[in-house]
């Protein structure tokens, strides 16, 4: 499978900005699994040149004709696209969870806790409790 983005060792693991061009049905399935787990919009390039941008919310890979379903960015109704019609998958939307690791959450909560403790200490000193 061709991936068009250059990768640096220091980069985050987000798929944002990457484009996959699968070369087989197995690679298409693999790319769709990545797109399904992605927390942003993707743009599918279909046979015939059509592009569909949206959020993938379902996929049925075990069907005779595997397909995915997405909420297109330009309309309200979901759309179904069969795997065999997909020639490229671009991760075009912002990855809403990028950089929001457990460690970042813990660090922020610890910082918030310290700020709250300092505020309580200041109030207690003002009232003469400390």
Protein backbone atom coordinates (compact mmCIF):
# COMPACT_ATOMS: atom_id res chain seq x y z
CA UNK A 1 0.00 0.00 0.00
CA UNK A 2 1.37 3.39 -0.92
CA UNK A 3 1.47 6.04 1.81
CA UNK A 4 2.26 9.53 0.53
CA UNK A 5 3.44 11.25 3.71
CA UNK A 6 7.09 11.39 4.73
CA UNK A 7 7.57 10.25 8.29
CA UNK A 8 10.03 11.54 10.86
CA UNK A 9 10.98 9.66 14.03
CA UNK A 10 9.71 12.50 16.25
CA UNK A 11 6.25 12.67 14.71
CA UNK A 12 3.12 11.71 16.58
CA UNK A 13 1.29 8.58 15.52
CA UNK A 14 -1.65 10.46 14.04
CA UNK A 15 -2.75 9.53 10.54
CA UNK A 16 -3.76 13.12 9.86
CA UNK A 17 -2.53 14.25 6.43
CA UNK A 18 -1.65 10.77 5.19
CA UNK A 19 -3.01 9.27 1.96
CA UNK A 20 -3.17 5.53 1.38
CA UNK A 21 -3.48 4.00 -2.08
CA UNK A 22 -4.22 0.30 -1.55
CA UNK A 23 -2.92 -2.16 -4.12
CA UNK A 24 -5.13 -5.12 -3.20
CA UNK A 25 -8.42 -6.02 -1.52
CA UNK A 26 -6.51 -6.92 1.67
CA UNK A 27 -4.77 -3.54 1.72
CA UNK A 28 -8.09 -1.79 1.11
CA UNK A 29 -9.53 -3.59 4.13
CA UNK A 30 -6.51 -2.63 6.23
CA UNK A 31 -6.75 1.04 5.19
CA UNK A 32 -10.49 1.08 5.93
CA UNK A 33 -9.86 -0.30 9.42
CA UNK A 34 -7.42 2.56 10.02
CA UNK A 35 -9.99 5.02 8.67
CA UNK A 36 -12.74 3.53 10.87
CA UNK A 37 -10.59 4.01 13.98
CA UNK A 38 -9.61 7.56 12.94
CA UNK A 39 -11.29 10.36 14.91
CA UNK A 40 -11.61 12.78 12.02
CA UNK A 41 -12.96 12.99 8.49
CA UNK A 42 -11.45 11.08 5.61
CA UNK A 43 -11.70 11.66 1.88
CA UNK A 44 -12.32 8.62 -0.30
CA UNK A 45 -11.30 8.71 -3.95
CA UNK A 46 -13.59 6.40 -5.90
CA UNK A 47 -13.29 4.71 -9.27
CA UNK A 48 -14.56 7.18 -11.82
CA UNK A 49 -12.85 10.10 -10.07
CA UNK A 50 -15.47 11.05 -7.47
CA UNK A 51 -14.26 12.17 -4.04
CA UNK A 52 -16.36 11.73 -0.92
CA UNK A 53 -15.34 13.43 2.33
CA UNK A 54 -16.91 12.42 5.62
CA UNK A 55 -16.76 10.48 8.87
CA UNK A 56 -16.80 6.67 8.66
CA UNK A 57 -19.16 5.26 11.28
CA UNK A 58 -19.64 1.67 10.12
CA UNK A 59 -18.01 -0.98 7.96
CA UNK A 60 -19.02 -4.50 7.02
CA UNK A 61 -15.93 -6.36 5.88
CA UNK A 62 -17.42 -9.85 6.23
CA UNK A 63 -20.13 -9.28 3.60
CA UNK A 64 -19.95 -10.79 0.10
CA UNK A 65 -19.53 -7.22 -1.16
CA UNK A 66 -17.81 -5.44 1.75
CA UNK A 67 -18.87 -1.84 2.29
CA UNK A 68 -18.49 1.10 4.61
CA UNK A 69 -20.93 3.77 5.68
CA UNK A 70 -20.04 7.38 6.29
CA UNK A 71 -21.65 10.68 7.11
CA UNK A 72 -20.68 12.86 4.13
CA UNK A 73 -19.50 16.36 4.99
CA UNK A 74 -21.81 17.89 2.38
CA UNK A 75 -25.15 16.24 3.29
CA UNK A 76 -27.10 14.82 6.23
CA UNK A 77 -27.95 11.34 4.98
CA UNK A 78 -25.38 8.55 5.43
CA UNK A 79 -23.81 7.07 2.33
CA UNK A 80 -22.73 3.49 1.61
CA UNK A 81 -19.59 2.84 -0.42
CA UNK A 82 -18.45 -0.65 -1.45
CA UNK A 83 -14.79 -1.42 -0.81
CA UNK A 84 -14.05 -2.27 -4.45
CA UNK A 85 -14.95 1.29 -5.52
CA UNK A 86 -12.27 2.85 -3.27
CA UNK A 87 -8.92 3.63 -4.88
CA UNK A 88 -7.47 5.97 -2.21
CA UNK A 89 -8.15 7.05 1.38
CA UNK A 90 -6.90 10.42 2.60
CA UNK A 91 -7.00 11.34 6.29
CA UNK A 92 -8.04 14.95 5.64
CA UNK A 93 -9.91 15.99 8.79
CA UNK A 94 -8.29 17.01 12.04
CA UNK A 95 -7.62 14.09 14.37
CA UNK A 96 -9.66 15.25 17.36
CA UNK A 97 -7.80 12.97 19.76
CA UNK A 98 -4.26 13.71 18.57
CA UNK A 99 -2.01 14.61 21.49
CA UNK A 100 -4.62 13.74 24.07
CA UNK A 101 -2.83 10.86 25.65
CA UNK A 102 -3.38 9.54 29.15
CA UNK A 103 -0.12 11.13 30.28
CA UNK A 104 -1.22 14.55 28.99
CA UNK A 105 -4.55 14.19 30.81
CA UNK A 106 -2.85 13.22 34.08
CA UNK A 107 -0.41 16.12 33.78
CA UNK A 108 -3.23 18.61 33.21
CA UNK A 109 -5.25 17.25 36.13
CA UNK A 110 -2.18 17.45 38.40
CA UNK A 111 -1.61 21.05 37.33
CA UNK A 112 -5.29 21.88 37.96
CA UNK A 113 -5.10 20.22 41.39
CA UNK A 114 -2.03 22.25 42.36
CA UNK A 115 -3.66 25.51 41.24
CA UNK A 116 -6.79 24.68 43.25
CA UNK A 117 -4.71 23.82 46.35
CA UNK A 118 -2.85 27.14 46.06
CA UNK A 119 -6.14 29.01 45.78
CA UNK A 120 -7.54 27.26 48.87
CA UNK A 121 -4.33 28.00 50.78
CA UNK A 122 -4.55 31.70 49.84
CA UNK A 123 -8.17 31.89 51.02
CA UNK A 124 -7.30 30.07 54.27
CA UNK A 125 -4.39 32.48 54.96
CA UNK A 126 -6.63 35.48 54.25
CA UNK A 127 -9.17 34.21 56.79
CA UNK A 128 -6.45 33.53 59.36
CA UNK A 129 -6.82 29.75 59.37
CA UNK A 130 -3.13 29.21 58.53
